Amino acid sequence: GCKTSEPDGSEQLDRAYGPGWSAVH
């Protein structure tokens, strides 16, 4: 699964995009 918020309230980044042309634009 995706990375989620840590107990201390900090925020984990999750670069979810696939390589290349993965989104409509």
PDBML (XML) file of the C-alpha atoms, coordinates in Angstrom:
<?xml version="1.0" encoding="UTF-8" ?>
<PDBx:datablock datablockName="MODEL"
   xmlns:PDBx="http://pdbml.pdb.org/schema/pdbx-v50.xsd"
   xmlns:xsi="http://www.w3.org/2001/XMLSchema-instance"
   xsi:schemaLocation="http://pdbml.pdb.org/schema/pdbx-v50.xsd pdbx-v50.xsd">
   <PDBx:atom_siteCategory>
      <PDBx:atom_site id="1">
         <PDBx:B_iso_or_equiv>0.00</PDBx:B_iso_or_equiv>
         <PDBx:Cartn_x>0.000</PDBx:Cartn_x>
         <PDBx:Cartn_y>0.000</PDBx:Cartn_y>
         <PDBx:Cartn_z>0.000</PDBx:Cartn_z>
         <PDBx:auth_asym_id>A</PDBx:auth_asym_id>
         <PDBx:auth_atom_id>CA</PDBx:auth_atom_id>
         <PDBx:auth_comp_id>GLY</PDBx:auth_comp_id>
         <PDBx:auth_seq_id>1</PDBx:auth_seq_id>
         <PDBx:group_PDB>ATOM</PDBx:group_PDB>
         <PDBx:label_alt_id xsi:nil="true" />
         <PDBx:label_asym_id>A</PDBx:label_asym_id>
         <PDBx:label_atom_id>CA</PDBx:label_atom_id>
         <PDBx:label_comp_id>GLY</PDBx:label_comp_id>
         <PDBx:label_entity_id>1</PDBx:label_entity_id>
         <PDBx:label_seq_id>1</PDBx:label_seq_id>
         <PDBx:occupancy>1.00</PDBx:occupancy>
         <PDBx:pdbx_PDB_model_num>1</PDBx:pdbx_PDB_model_num>
         <PDBx:type_symbol>C</PDBx:type_symbol>
      </PDBx:atom_site>
      <PDBx:atom_site id="2">
         <PDBx:B_iso_or_equiv>0.00</PDBx:B_iso_or_equiv>
         <PDBx:Cartn_x>0.748</PDBx:Cartn_x>
         <PDBx:Cartn_y>3.690</PDBx:Cartn_y>
         <PDBx:Cartn_z>-0.145</PDBx:Cartn_z>
         <PDBx:auth_asym_id>A</PDBx:auth_asym_id>
         <PDBx:auth_atom_id>CA</PDBx:auth_atom_id>
         <PDBx:auth_comp_id>CYS</PDBx:auth_comp_id>
         <PDBx:auth_seq_id>2</PDBx:auth_seq_id>
         <PDBx:group_PDB>ATOM</PDBx:group_PDB>
         <PDBx:label_alt_id xsi:nil="true" />
         <PDBx:label_asym_id>A</PDBx:label_asym_id>
         <PDBx:label_atom_id>CA</PDBx:label_atom_id>
         <PDBx:label_comp_id>CYS</PDBx:label_comp_id>
         <PDBx:label_entity_id>1</PDBx:label_entity_id>
         <PDBx:label_seq_id>2</PDBx:label_seq_id>
         <PDBx:occupancy>1.00</PDBx:occupancy>
         <PDBx:pdbx_PDB_model_num>1</PDBx:pdbx_PDB_model_num>
         <PDBx:type_symbol>C</PDBx:type_symbol>
      </PDBx:atom_site>
      <PDBx:atom_site id="3">
         <PDBx:B_iso_or_equiv>0.00</PDBx:B_iso_or_equiv>
         <PDBx:Cartn_x>2.920</PDBx:Cartn_x>
         <PDBx:Cartn_y>5.364</PDBx:Cartn_y>
         <PDBx:Cartn_z>2.444</PDBx:Cartn_z>
         <PDBx:auth_asym_id>A</PDBx:auth_asym_id>
         <PDBx:auth_atom_id>CA</PDBx:auth_atom_id>
         <PDBx:auth_comp_id>LYS</PDBx:auth_comp_id>
         <PDBx:auth_seq_id>3</PDBx:auth_seq_id>
         <PDBx:group_PDB>ATOM</PDBx:group_PDB>
         <PDBx:label_alt_id xsi:nil="true" />
         <PDBx:label_asym_id>A</PDBx:label_asym_id>
         <PDBx:label_atom_id>CA</PDBx:label_atom_id>
         <PDBx:label_comp_id>LYS</PDBx:label_comp_id>
         <PDBx:label_entity_id>1</PDBx:label_entity_id>
         <PDBx:label_seq_id>3</PDBx:label_seq_id>
         <PDBx:occupancy>1.00</PDBx:occupancy>
         <PDBx:pdbx_PDB_model_num>1</PDBx:pdbx_PDB_model_num>
         <PDBx:type_symbol>C</PDBx:type_symbol>
      </PDBx:atom_site>
      <PDBx:atom_site id="4">
         <PDBx:B_iso_or_equiv>0.00</PDBx:B_iso_or_equiv>
         <PDBx:Cartn_x>0.766</PDBx:Cartn_x>
         <PDBx:Cartn_y>7.153</PDBx:Cartn_y>
         <PDBx:Cartn_z>4.986</PDBx:Cartn_z>
         <PDBx:auth_asym_id>A</PDBx:auth_asym_id>
         <PDBx:auth_atom_id>CA</PDBx:auth_atom_id>
         <PDBx:auth_comp_id>THR</PDBx:auth_comp_id>
         <PDBx:auth_seq_id>4</PDBx:auth_seq_id>
         <PDBx:group_PDB>ATOM</PDBx:group_PDB>
         <PDBx:label_alt_id xsi:nil="true" />
         <PDBx:label_asym_id>A</PDBx:label_asym_id>
         <PDBx:label_atom_id>CA</PDBx:label_atom_id>
         <PDBx:label_comp_id>THR</PDBx:label_comp_id>
         <PDBx:label_entity_id>1</PDBx:label_entity_id>
         <PDBx:label_seq_id>4</PDBx:label_seq_id>
         <PDBx:occupancy>1.00</PDBx:occupancy>
         <PDBx:pdbx_PDB_model_num>1</PDBx:pdbx_PDB_model_num>
         <PDBx:type_symbol>C</PDBx:type_symbol>
      </PDBx:atom_site>
      <PDBx:atom_site id="5">
         <PDBx:B_iso_or_equiv>0.00</PDBx:B_iso_or_equiv>
         <PDBx:Cartn_x>1.107</PDBx:Cartn_x>
         <PDBx:Cartn_y>9.817</PDBx:Cartn_y>
         <PDBx:Cartn_z>7.633</PDBx:Cartn_z>
         <PDBx:auth_asym_id>A</PDBx:auth_asym_id>
         <PDBx:auth_atom_id>CA</PDBx:auth_atom_id>
         <PDBx:auth_comp_id>SER</PDBx:auth_comp_id>
         <PDBx:auth_seq_id>5</PDBx:auth_seq_id>
         <PDBx:group_PDB>ATOM</PDBx:group_PDB>
         <PDBx:label_alt_id xsi:nil="true" />
         <PDBx:label_asym_id>A</PDBx:label_asym_id>
         <PDBx:label_atom_id>CA</PDBx:label_atom_id>
         <PDBx:label_comp_id>SER</PDBx:label_comp_id>
         <PDBx:label_entity_id>1</PDBx:label_entity_id>
         <PDBx:label_seq_id>5</PDBx:label_seq_id>
         <PDBx:occupancy>1.00</PDBx:occupancy>
         <PDBx:pdbx_PDB_model_num>1</PDBx:pdbx_PDB_model_num>
         <PDBx:type_symbol>C</PDBx:type_symbol>
      </PDBx:atom_site>
      <PDBx:atom_site id="6">
         <PDBx:B_iso_or_equiv>0.00</PDBx:B_iso_or_equiv>
         <PDBx:Cartn_x>3.470</PDBx:Cartn_x>
         <PDBx:Cartn_y>9.035</PDBx:Cartn_y>
         <PDBx:Cartn_z>10.484</PDBx:Cartn_z>
         <PDBx:auth_asym_id>A</PDBx:auth_asym_id>
         <PDBx:auth_atom_id>CA</PDBx:auth_atom_id>
         <PDBx:auth_comp_id>GLU</PDBx:auth_comp_id>
         <PDBx:auth_seq_id>6</PDBx:auth_seq_id>
         <PDBx:group_PDB>ATOM</PDBx:group_PDB>
         <PDBx:label_alt_id xsi:nil="true" />
         <PDBx:label_asym_id>A</PDBx:label_asym_id>
         <PDBx:label_atom_id>CA</PDBx:label_atom_id>
         <PDBx:label_comp_id>GLU</PDBx:label_comp_id>
         <PDBx:label_entity_id>1</PDBx:label_entity_id>
         <PDBx:label_seq_id>6</PDBx:label_seq_id>
         <PDBx:occupancy>1.00</PDBx:occupancy>
         <PDBx:pdbx_PDB_model_num>1</PDBx:pdbx_PDB_model_num>
         <PDBx:type_symbol>C</PDBx:type_symbol>
      </PDBx:atom_site>
      <PDBx:atom_site id="7">
         <PDBx:B_iso_or_equiv>0.00</PDBx:B_iso_or_equiv>
         <PDBx:Cartn_x>2.280</PDBx:Cartn_x>
         <PDBx:Cartn_y>9.025</PDBx:Cartn_y>
         <PDBx:Cartn_z>14.128</PDBx:Cartn_z>
         <PDBx:auth_asym_id>A</PDBx:auth_asym_id>
         <PDBx:auth_atom_id>CA</PDBx:auth_atom_id>
         <PDBx:auth_comp_id>PRO</PDBx:auth_comp_id>
         <PDBx:auth_seq_id>7</PDBx:auth_seq_id>
         <PDBx:group_PDB>ATOM</PDBx:group_PDB>
         <PDBx:label_alt_id xsi:nil="true" />
         <PDBx:label_asym_id>A</PDBx:label_asym_id>
         <PDBx:label_atom_id>CA</PDBx:label_atom_id>
         <PDBx:label_comp_id>PRO</PDBx:label_comp_id>
         <PDBx:label_entity_id>1</PDBx:label_entity_id>
         <PDBx:label_seq_id>7</PDBx:label_seq_id>
         <PDBx:occupancy>1.00</PDBx:occupancy>
         <PDBx:pdbx_PDB_model_num>1</PDBx:pdbx_PDB_model_num>
         <PDBx:type_symbol>C</PDBx:type_symbol>
      </PDBx:atom_site>
      <PDBx:atom_site id="8">
         <PDBx:B_iso_or_equiv>0.00</PDBx:B_iso_or_equiv>
         <PDBx:Cartn_x>4.061</PDBx:Cartn_x>
         <PDBx:Cartn_y>12.309</PDBx:Cartn_y>
         <PDBx:Cartn_z>14.804</PDBx:Cartn_z>
         <PDBx:auth_asym_id>A</PDBx:auth_asym_id>
         <PDBx:auth_atom_id>CA</PDBx:auth_atom_id>
         <PDBx:auth_comp_id>ASP</PDBx:auth_comp_id>
         <PDBx:auth_seq_id>8</PDBx:auth_seq_id>
         <PDBx:group_PDB>ATOM</PDBx:group_PDB>
         <PDBx:label_alt_id xsi:nil="true" />
         <PDBx:label_asym_id>A</PDBx:label_asym_id>
         <PDBx:label_atom_id>CA</PDBx:label_atom_id>
         <PDBx:label_comp_id>ASP</PDBx:label_comp_id>
         <PDBx:label_entity_id>1</PDBx:label_entity_id>
         <PDBx:label_seq_id>8</PDBx:label_seq_id>
         <PDBx:occupancy>1.00</PDBx:occupancy>
         <PDBx:pdbx_PDB_model_num>1</PDBx:pdbx_PDB_model_num>
         <PDBx:type_symbol>C</PDBx:type_symbol>
      </PDBx:atom_site>
      <PDBx:atom_site id="9">
         <PDBx:B_iso_or_equiv>0.00</PDBx:B_iso_or_equiv>
         <PDBx:Cartn_x>2.002</PDBx:Cartn_x>
         <PDBx:Cartn_y>14.065</PDBx:Cartn_y>
         <PDBx:Cartn_z>12.130</PDBx:Cartn_z>
         <PDBx:auth_asym_id>A</PDBx:auth_asym_id>
         <PDBx:auth_atom_id>CA</PDBx:auth_atom_id>
         <PDBx:auth_comp_id>GLY</PDBx:auth_comp_id>
         <PDBx:auth_seq_id>9</PDBx:auth_seq_id>
         <PDBx:group_PDB>ATOM</PDBx:group_PDB>
         <PDBx:label_alt_id xsi:nil="true" />
         <PDBx:label_asym_id>A</PDBx:label_asym_id>
         <PDBx:label_atom_id>CA</PDBx:label_atom_id>
         <PDBx:label_comp_id>GLY</PDBx:label_comp_id>
         <PDBx:label_entity_id>1</PDBx:label_entity_id>
         <PDBx:label_seq_id>9</PDBx:label_seq_id>
         <PDBx:occupancy>1.00</PDBx:occupancy>
         <PDBx:pdbx_PDB_model_num>1</PDBx:pdbx_PDB_model_num>
         <PDBx:type_symbol>C</PDBx:type_symbol>
      </PDBx:atom_site>
      <PDBx:atom_site id="10">
         <PDBx:B_iso_or_equiv>0.00</PDBx:B_iso_or_equiv>
         <PDBx:Cartn_x>4.760</PDBx:Cartn_x>
         <PDBx:Cartn_y>14.340</PDBx:Cartn_y>
         <PDBx:Cartn_z>9.528</PDBx:Cartn_z>
         <PDBx:auth_asym_id>A</PDBx:auth_asym_id>
         <PDBx:auth_atom_id>CA</PDBx:auth_atom_id>
         <PDBx:auth_comp_id>SER</PDBx:auth_comp_id>
         <PDBx:auth_seq_id>10</PDBx:auth_seq_id>
         <PDBx:group_PDB>ATOM</PDBx:group_PDB>
         <PDBx:label_alt_id xsi:nil="true" />
         <PDBx:label_asym_id>A</PDBx:label_asym_id>
         <PDBx:label_atom_id>CA</PDBx:label_atom_id>
         <PDBx:label_comp_id>SER</PDBx:label_comp_id>
         <PDBx:label_entity_id>1</PDBx:label_entity_id>
         <PDBx:label_seq_id>10</PDBx:label_seq_id>
         <PDBx:occupancy>1.00</PDBx:occupancy>
         <PDBx:pdbx_PDB_model_num>1</PDBx:pdbx_PDB_model_num>
         <PDBx:type_symbol>C</PDBx:type_symbol>
      </PDBx:atom_site>
      <PDBx:atom_site id="11">
         <PDBx:B_iso_or_equiv>0.00</PDBx:B_iso_or_equiv>
         <PDBx:Cartn_x>3.945</PDBx:Cartn_x>
         <PDBx:Cartn_y>13.480</PDBx:Cartn_y>
         <PDBx:Cartn_z>5.943</PDBx:Cartn_z>
         <PDBx:auth_asym_id>A</PDBx:auth_asym_id>
         <PDBx:auth_atom_id>CA</PDBx:auth_atom_id>
         <PDBx:auth_comp_id>GLU</PDBx:auth_comp_id>
         <PDBx:auth_seq_id>11</PDBx:auth_seq_id>
         <PDBx:group_PDB>ATOM</PDBx:group_PDB>
         <PDBx:label_alt_id xsi:nil="true" />
         <PDBx:label_asym_id>A</PDBx:label_asym_id>
         <PDBx:label_atom_id>CA</PDBx:label_atom_id>
         <PDBx:label_comp_id>GLU</PDBx:label_comp_id>
         <PDBx:label_entity_id>1</PDBx:label_entity_id>
         <PDBx:label_seq_id>11</PDBx:label_seq_id>
         <PDBx:occupancy>1.00</PDBx:occupancy>
         <PDBx:pdbx_PDB_model_num>1</PDBx:pdbx_PDB_model_num>
         <PDBx:type_symbol>C</PDBx:type_symbol>
      </PDBx:atom_site>
      <PDBx:atom_site id="12">
         <PDBx:B_iso_or_equiv>0.00</PDBx:B_iso_or_equiv>
         <PDBx:Cartn_x>5.485</PDBx:Cartn_x>
         <PDBx:Cartn_y>10.750</PDBx:Cartn_y>
         <PDBx:Cartn_z>3.818</PDBx:Cartn_z>
         <PDBx:auth_asym_id>A</PDBx:auth_asym_id>
         <PDBx:auth_atom_id>CA</PDBx:auth_atom_id>
         <PDBx:auth_comp_id>GLN</PDBx:auth_comp_id>
         <PDBx:auth_seq_id>12</PDBx:auth_seq_id>
         <PDBx:group_PDB>ATOM</PDBx:group_PDB>
         <PDBx:label_alt_id xsi:nil="true" />
         <PDBx:label_asym_id>A</PDBx:label_asym_id>
         <PDBx:label_atom_id>CA</PDBx:label_atom_id>
         <PDBx:label_comp_id>GLN</PDBx:label_comp_id>
         <PDBx:label_entity_id>1</PDBx:label_entity_id>
         <PDBx:label_seq_id>12</PDBx:label_seq_id>
         <PDBx:occupancy>1.00</PDBx:occupancy>
         <PDBx:pdbx_PDB_model_num>1</PDBx:pdbx_PDB_model_num>
         <PDBx:type_symbol>C</PDBx:type_symbol>
      </PDBx:atom_site>
      <PDBx:atom_site id="13">
         <PDBx:B_iso_or_equiv>0.00</PDBx:B_iso_or_equiv>
         <PDBx:Cartn_x>5.772</PDBx:Cartn_x>
         <PDBx:Cartn_y>11.347</PDBx:Cartn_y>
         <PDBx:Cartn_z>0.082</PDBx:Cartn_z>
         <PDBx:auth_asym_id>A</PDBx:auth_asym_id>
         <PDBx:auth_atom_id>CA</PDBx:auth_atom_id>
         <PDBx:auth_comp_id>LEU</PDBx:auth_comp_id>
         <PDBx:auth_seq_id>13</PDBx:auth_seq_id>
         <PDBx:group_PDB>ATOM</PDBx:group_PDB>
         <PDBx:label_alt_id xsi:nil="true" />
         <PDBx:label_asym_id>A</PDBx:label_asym_id>
         <PDBx:label_atom_id>CA</PDBx:label_atom_id>
         <PDBx:label_comp_id>LEU</PDBx:label_comp_id>
         <PDBx:label_entity_id>1</PDBx:label_entity_id>
         <PDBx:label_seq_id>13</PDBx:label_seq_id>
         <PDBx:occupancy>1.00</PDBx:occupancy>
         <PDBx:pdbx_PDB_model_num>1</PDBx:pdbx_PDB_model_num>
         <PDBx:type_symbol>C</PDBx:type_symbol>
      </PDBx:atom_site>
      <PDBx:atom_site id="14">
         <PDBx:B_iso_or_equiv>0.00</PDBx:B_iso_or_equiv>
         <PDBx:Cartn_x>4.752</PDBx:Cartn_x>
         <PDBx:Cartn_y>8.621</PDBx:Cartn_y>
         <PDBx:Cartn_z>-2.346</PDBx:Cartn_z>
         <PDBx:auth_asym_id>A</PDBx:auth_asym_id>
         <PDBx:auth_atom_id>CA</PDBx:auth_atom_id>
         <PDBx:auth_comp_id>ASP</PDBx:auth_comp_id>
         <PDBx:auth_seq_id>14</PDBx:auth_seq_id>
         <PDBx:group_PDB>ATOM</PDBx:group_PDB>
         <PDBx:label_alt_id xsi:nil="true" />
         <PDBx:label_asym_id>A</PDBx:label_asym_id>
         <PDBx:label_atom_id>CA</PDBx:label_atom_id>
         <PDBx:label_comp_id>ASP</PDBx:label_comp_id>
         <PDBx:label_entity_id>1</PDBx:label_entity_id>
         <PDBx:label_seq_id>14</PDBx:label_seq_id>
         <PDBx:occupancy>1.00</PDBx:occupancy>
         <PDBx:pdbx_PDB_model_num>1</PDBx:pdbx_PDB_model_num>
         <PDBx:type_symbol>C</PDBx:type_symbol>
      </PDBx:atom_site>
      <PDBx:atom_site id="15">
         <PDBx:B_iso_or_equiv>0.00</PDBx:B_iso_or_equiv>
         <PDBx:Cartn_x>5.675</PDBx:Cartn_x>
         <PDBx:Cartn_y>9.250</PDBx:Cartn_y>
         <PDBx:Cartn_z>-5.967</PDBx:Cartn_z>
         <PDBx:auth_asym_id>A</PDBx:auth_asym_id>
         <PDBx:auth_atom_id>CA</PDBx:auth_atom_id>
         <PDBx:auth_comp_id>ARG</PDBx:auth_comp_id>
         <PDBx:auth_seq_id>15</PDBx:auth_seq_id>
         <PDBx:group_PDB>ATOM</PDBx:group_PDB>
         <PDBx:label_alt_id xsi:nil="true" />
         <PDBx:label_asym_id>A</PDBx:label_asym_id>
         <PDBx:label_atom_id>CA</PDBx:label_atom_id>
         <PDBx:label_comp_id>ARG</PDBx:label_comp_id>
         <PDBx:label_entity_id>1</PDBx:label_entity_id>
         <PDBx:label_seq_id>15</PDBx:label_seq_id>
         <PDBx:occupancy>1.00</PDBx:occupancy>
         <PDBx:pdbx_PDB_model_num>1</PDBx:pdbx_PDB_model_num>
         <PDBx:type_symbol>C</PDBx:type_symbol>
      </PDBx:atom_site>
      <PDBx:atom_site id="16">
         <PDBx:B_iso_or_equiv>0.00</PDBx:B_iso_or_equiv>
         <PDBx:Cartn_x>2.918</PDBx:Cartn_x>
         <PDBx:Cartn_y>7.077</PDBx:Cartn_y>
         <PDBx:Cartn_z>-7.356</PDBx:Cartn_z>
         <PDBx:auth_asym_id>A</PDBx:auth_asym_id>
         <PDBx:auth_atom_id>CA</PDBx:auth_atom_id>
         <PDBx:auth_comp_id>ALA</PDBx:auth_comp_id>
         <PDBx:auth_seq_id>16</PDBx:auth_seq_id>
         <PDBx:group_PDB>ATOM</PDBx:group_PDB>
         <PDBx:label_alt_id xsi:nil="true" />
         <PDBx:label_asym_id>A</PDBx:label_asym_id>
         <PDBx:label_atom_id>CA</PDBx:label_atom_id>
         <PDBx:label_comp_id>ALA</PDBx:label_comp_id>
         <PDBx:label_entity_id>1</PDBx:label_entity_id>
         <PDBx:label_seq_id>16</PDBx:label_seq_id>
         <PDBx:occupancy>1.00</PDBx:occupancy>
         <PDBx:pdbx_PDB_model_num>1</PDBx:pdbx_PDB_model_num>
         <PDBx:type_symbol>C</PDBx:type_symbol>
      </PDBx:atom_site>
      <PDBx:atom_site id="17">
         <PDBx:B_iso_or_equiv>0.00</PDBx:B_iso_or_equiv>
         <PDBx:Cartn_x>3.246</PDBx:Cartn_x>
         <PDBx:Cartn_y>7.848</PDBx:Cartn_y>
         <PDBx:Cartn_z>-11.065</PDBx:Cartn_z>
         <PDBx:auth_asym_id>A</PDBx:auth_asym_id>
         <PDBx:auth_atom_id>CA</PDBx:auth_atom_id>
         <PDBx:auth_comp_id>TYR</PDBx:auth_comp_id>
         <PDBx:auth_seq_id>17</PDBx:auth_seq_id>
         <PDBx:group_PDB>ATOM</PDBx:group_PDB>
         <PDBx:label_alt_id xsi:nil="true" />
         <PDBx:label_asym_id>A</PDBx:label_asym_id>
         <PDBx:label_atom_id>CA</PDBx:label_atom_id>
         <PDBx:label_comp_id>TYR</PDBx:label_comp_id>
         <PDBx:label_entity_id>1</PDBx:label_entity_id>
         <PDBx:label_seq_id>17</PDBx:label_seq_id>
         <PDBx:occupancy>1.00</PDBx:occupancy>
         <PDBx:pdbx_PDB_model_num>1</PDBx:pdbx_PDB_model_num>
         <PDBx:type_symbol>C</PDBx:type_symbol>
      </PDBx:atom_site>
      <PDBx:atom_site id="18">
         <PDBx:B_iso_or_equiv>0.00</PDBx:B_iso_or_equiv>
         <PDBx:Cartn_x>4.437</PDBx:Cartn_x>
         <PDBx:Cartn_y>5.186</PDBx:Cartn_y>
         <PDBx:Cartn_z>-13.434</PDBx:Cartn_z>
         <PDBx:auth_asym_id>A</PDBx:auth_asym_id>
         <PDBx:auth_atom_id>CA</PDBx:auth_atom_id>
         <PDBx:auth_comp_id>GLY</PDBx:auth_comp_id>
         <PDBx:auth_seq_id>18</PDBx:auth_seq_id>
         <PDBx:group_PDB>ATOM</PDBx:group_PDB>
         <PDBx:label_alt_id xsi:nil="true" />
         <PDBx:label_asym_id>A</PDBx:label_asym_id>
         <PDBx:label_atom_id>CA</PDBx:label_atom_id>
         <PDBx:label_comp_id>GLY</PDBx:label_comp_id>
         <PDBx:label_entity_id>1</PDBx:label_entity_id>
         <PDBx:label_seq_id>18</PDBx:label_seq_id>
         <PDBx:occupancy>1.00</PDBx:occupancy>
         <PDBx:pdbx_PDB_model_num>1</PDBx:pdbx_PDB_model_num>
         <PDBx:type_symbol>C</PDBx:type_symbol>
      </PDBx:atom_site>
      <PDBx:atom_site id="19">
         <PDBx:B_iso_or_equiv>0.00</PDBx:B_iso_or_equiv>
         <PDBx:Cartn_x>7.389</PDBx:Cartn_x>
         <PDBx:Cartn_y>5.871</PDBx:Cartn_y>
         <PDBx:Cartn_z>-15.727</PDBx:Cartn_z>
         <PDBx:auth_asym_id>A</PDBx:auth_asym_id>
         <PDBx:auth_atom_id>CA</PDBx:auth_atom_id>
         <PDBx:auth_comp_id>PRO</PDBx:auth_comp_id>
         <PDBx:auth_seq_id>19</PDBx:auth_seq_id>
         <PDBx:group_PDB>ATOM</PDBx:group_PDB>
         <PDBx:label_alt_id xsi:nil="true" />
         <PDBx:label_asym_id>A</PDBx:label_asym_id>
         <PDBx:label_atom_id>CA</PDBx:label_atom_id>
         <PDBx:label_comp_id>PRO</PDBx:label_comp_id>
         <PDBx:label_entity_id>1</PDBx:label_entity_id>
         <PDBx:label_seq_id>19</PDBx:label_seq_id>
         <PDBx:occupancy>1.00</PDBx:occupancy>
         <PDBx:pdbx_PDB_model_num>1</PDBx:pdbx_PDB_model_num>
         <PDBx:type_symbol>C</PDBx:type_symbol>
      </PDBx:atom_site>
      <PDBx:atom_site id="20">
         <PDBx:B_iso_or_equiv>0.00</PDBx:B_iso_or_equiv>
         <PDBx:Cartn_x>6.746</PDBx:Cartn_x>
         <PDBx:Cartn_y>7.654</PDBx:Cartn_y>
         <PDBx:Cartn_z>-18.993</PDBx:Cartn_z>
         <PDBx:auth_asym_id>A</PDBx:auth_asym_id>
         <PDBx:auth_atom_id>CA</PDBx:auth_atom_id>
         <PDBx:auth_comp_id>GLY</PDBx:auth_comp_id>
         <PDBx:auth_seq_id>20</PDBx:auth_seq_id>
         <PDBx:group_PDB>ATOM</PDBx:group_PDB>
         <PDBx:label_alt_id xsi:nil="true" />
         <PDBx:label_asym_id>A</PDBx:label_asym_id>
         <PDBx:label_atom_id>CA</PDBx:label_atom_id>
         <PDBx:label_comp_id>GLY</PDBx:label_comp_id>
         <PDBx:label_entity_id>1</PDBx:label_entity_id>
         <PDBx:label_seq_id>20</PDBx:label_seq_id>
         <PDBx:occupancy>1.00</PDBx:occupancy>
         <PDBx:pdbx_PDB_model_num>1</PDBx:pdbx_PDB_model_num>
         <PDBx:type_symbol>C</PDBx:type_symbol>
      </PDBx:atom_site>
      <PDBx:atom_site id="21">
         <PDBx:B_iso_or_equiv>0.00</PDBx:B_iso_or_equiv>
         <PDBx:Cartn_x>3.393</PDBx:Cartn_x>
         <PDBx:Cartn_y>9.027</PDBx:Cartn_y>
         <PDBx:Cartn_z>-20.171</PDBx:Cartn_z>
         <PDBx:auth_asym_id>A</PDBx:auth_asym_id>
         <PDBx:auth_atom_id>CA</PDBx:auth_atom_id>
         <PDBx:auth_comp_id>TRP</PDBx:auth_comp_id>
         <PDBx:auth_seq_id>21</PDBx:auth_seq_id>
         <PDBx:group_PDB>ATOM</PDBx:group_PDB>
         <PDBx:label_alt_id xsi:nil="true" />
         <PDBx:label_asym_id>A</PDBx:label_asym_id>
         <PDBx:label_atom_id>CA</PDBx:label_atom_id>
         <PDBx:label_comp_id>TRP</PDBx:label_comp_id>
         <PDBx:label_entity_id>1</PDBx:label_entity_id>
         <PDBx:label_seq_id>21</PDBx:label_seq_id>
         <PDBx:occupancy>1.00</PDBx:occupancy>
         <PDBx:pdbx_PDB_model_num>1</PDBx:pdbx_PDB_model_num>
         <PDBx:type_symbol>C</PDBx:type_symbol>
      </PDBx:atom_site>
      <PDBx:atom_site id="22">
         <PDBx:B_iso_or_equiv>0.00</PDBx:B_iso_or_equiv>
         <PDBx:Cartn_x>1.327</PDBx:Cartn_x>
         <PDBx:Cartn_y>7.758</PDBx:Cartn_y>
         <PDBx:Cartn_z>-17.235</PDBx:Cartn_z>
         <PDBx:auth_asym_id>A</PDBx:auth_asym_id>
         <PDBx:auth_atom_id>CA</PDBx:auth_atom_id>
         <PDBx:auth_comp_id>SER</PDBx:auth_comp_id>
         <PDBx:auth_seq_id>22</PDBx:auth_seq_id>
         <PDBx:group_PDB>ATOM</PDBx:group_PDB>
         <PDBx:label_alt_id xsi:nil="true" />
         <PDBx:label_asym_id>A</PDBx:label_asym_id>
         <PDBx:label_atom_id>CA</PDBx:label_atom_id>
         <PDBx:label_comp_id>SER</PDBx:label_comp_id>
         <PDBx:label_entity_id>1</PDBx:label_entity_id>
         <PDBx:label_seq_id>22</PDBx:label_seq_id>
         <PDBx:occupancy>1.00</PDBx:occupancy>
         <PDBx:pdbx_PDB_model_num>1</PDBx:pdbx_PDB_model_num>
         <PDBx:type_symbol>C</PDBx:type_symbol>
      </PDBx:atom_site>
      <PDBx:atom_site id="23">
         <PDBx:B_iso_or_equiv>0.00</PDBx:B_iso_or_equiv>
         <PDBx:Cartn_x>-1.291</PDBx:Cartn_x>
         <PDBx:Cartn_y>10.530</PDBx:Cartn_y>
         <PDBx:Cartn_z>-16.997</PDBx:Cartn_z>
         <PDBx:auth_asym_id>A</PDBx:auth_asym_id>
         <PDBx:auth_atom_id>CA</PDBx:auth_atom_id>
         <PDBx:auth_comp_id>ALA</PDBx:auth_comp_id>
         <PDBx:auth_seq_id>23</PDBx:auth_seq_id>
         <PDBx:group_PDB>ATOM</PDBx:group_PDB>
         <PDBx:label_alt_id xsi:nil="true" />
         <PDBx:label_asym_id>A</PDBx:label_asym_id>
         <PDBx:label_atom_id>CA</PDBx:label_atom_id>
         <PDBx:label_comp_id>ALA</PDBx:label_comp_id>
         <PDBx:label_entity_id>1</PDBx:label_entity_id>
         <PDBx:label_seq_id>23</PDBx:label_seq_id>
         <PDBx:occupancy>1.00</PDBx:occupancy>
         <PDBx:pdbx_PDB_model_num>1</PDBx:pdbx_PDB_model_num>
         <PDBx:type_symbol>C</PDBx:type_symbol>
      </PDBx:atom_site>
      <PDBx:atom_site id="24">
         <PDBx:B_iso_or_equiv>0.00</PDBx:B_iso_or_equiv>
         <PDBx:Cartn_x>-3.644</PDBx:Cartn_x>
         <PDBx:Cartn_y>12.113</PDBx:Cartn_y>
         <PDBx:Cartn_z>-19.503</PDBx:Cartn_z>
         <PDBx:auth_asym_id>A</PDBx:auth_asym_id>
         <PDBx:auth_atom_id>CA</PDBx:auth_atom_id>
         <PDBx:auth_comp_id>VAL</PDBx:auth_comp_id>
         <PDBx:auth_seq_id>24</PDBx:auth_seq_id>
         <PDBx:group_PDB>ATOM</PDBx:group_PDB>
         <PDBx:label_alt_id xsi:nil="true" />
         <PDBx:label_asym_id>A</PDBx:label_asym_id>
         <PDBx:label_atom_id>CA</PDBx:label_atom_id>
         <PDBx:label_comp_id>VAL</PDBx:label_comp_id>
         <PDBx:label_entity_id>1</PDBx:label_entity_id>
         <PDBx:label_seq_id>24</PDBx:label_seq_id>
         <PDBx:occupancy>1.00</PDBx:occupancy>
         <PDBx:pdbx_PDB_model_num>1</PDBx:pdbx_PDB_model_num>
         <PDBx:type_symbol>C</PDBx:type_symbol>
      </PDBx:atom_site>
      <PDBx:atom_site id="25">
         <PDBx:B_iso_or_equiv>0.00</PDBx:B_iso_or_equiv>
         <PDBx:Cartn_x>-1.361</PDBx:Cartn_x>
         <PDBx:Cartn_y>15.130</PDBx:Cartn_y>
         <PDBx:Cartn_z>-20.011</PDBx:Cartn_z>
         <PDBx:auth_asym_id>A</PDBx:auth_asym_id>
         <PDBx:auth_atom_id>CA</PDBx:auth_atom_id>
         <PDBx:auth_comp_id>HIS</PDBx:auth_comp_id>
         <PDBx:auth_seq_id>25</PDBx:auth_seq_id>
         <PDBx:group_PDB>ATOM</PDBx:group_PDB>
         <PDBx:label_alt_id xsi:nil="true" />
         <PDBx:label_asym_id>A</PDBx:label_asym_id>
         <PDBx:label_atom_id>CA</PDBx:label_atom_id>
         <PDBx:label_comp_id>HIS</PDBx:label_comp_id>
         <PDBx:label_entity_id>1</PDBx:label_entity_id>
         <PDBx:label_seq_id>25</PDBx:label_seq_id>
         <PDBx:occupancy>1.00</PDBx:occupancy>
         <PDBx:pdbx_PDB_model_num>1</PDBx:pdbx_PDB_model_num>
         <PDBx:type_symbol>C</PDBx:type_symbol>
      </PDBx:atom_site>
   </PDBx:atom_siteCategory>
</PDBx:datablock>
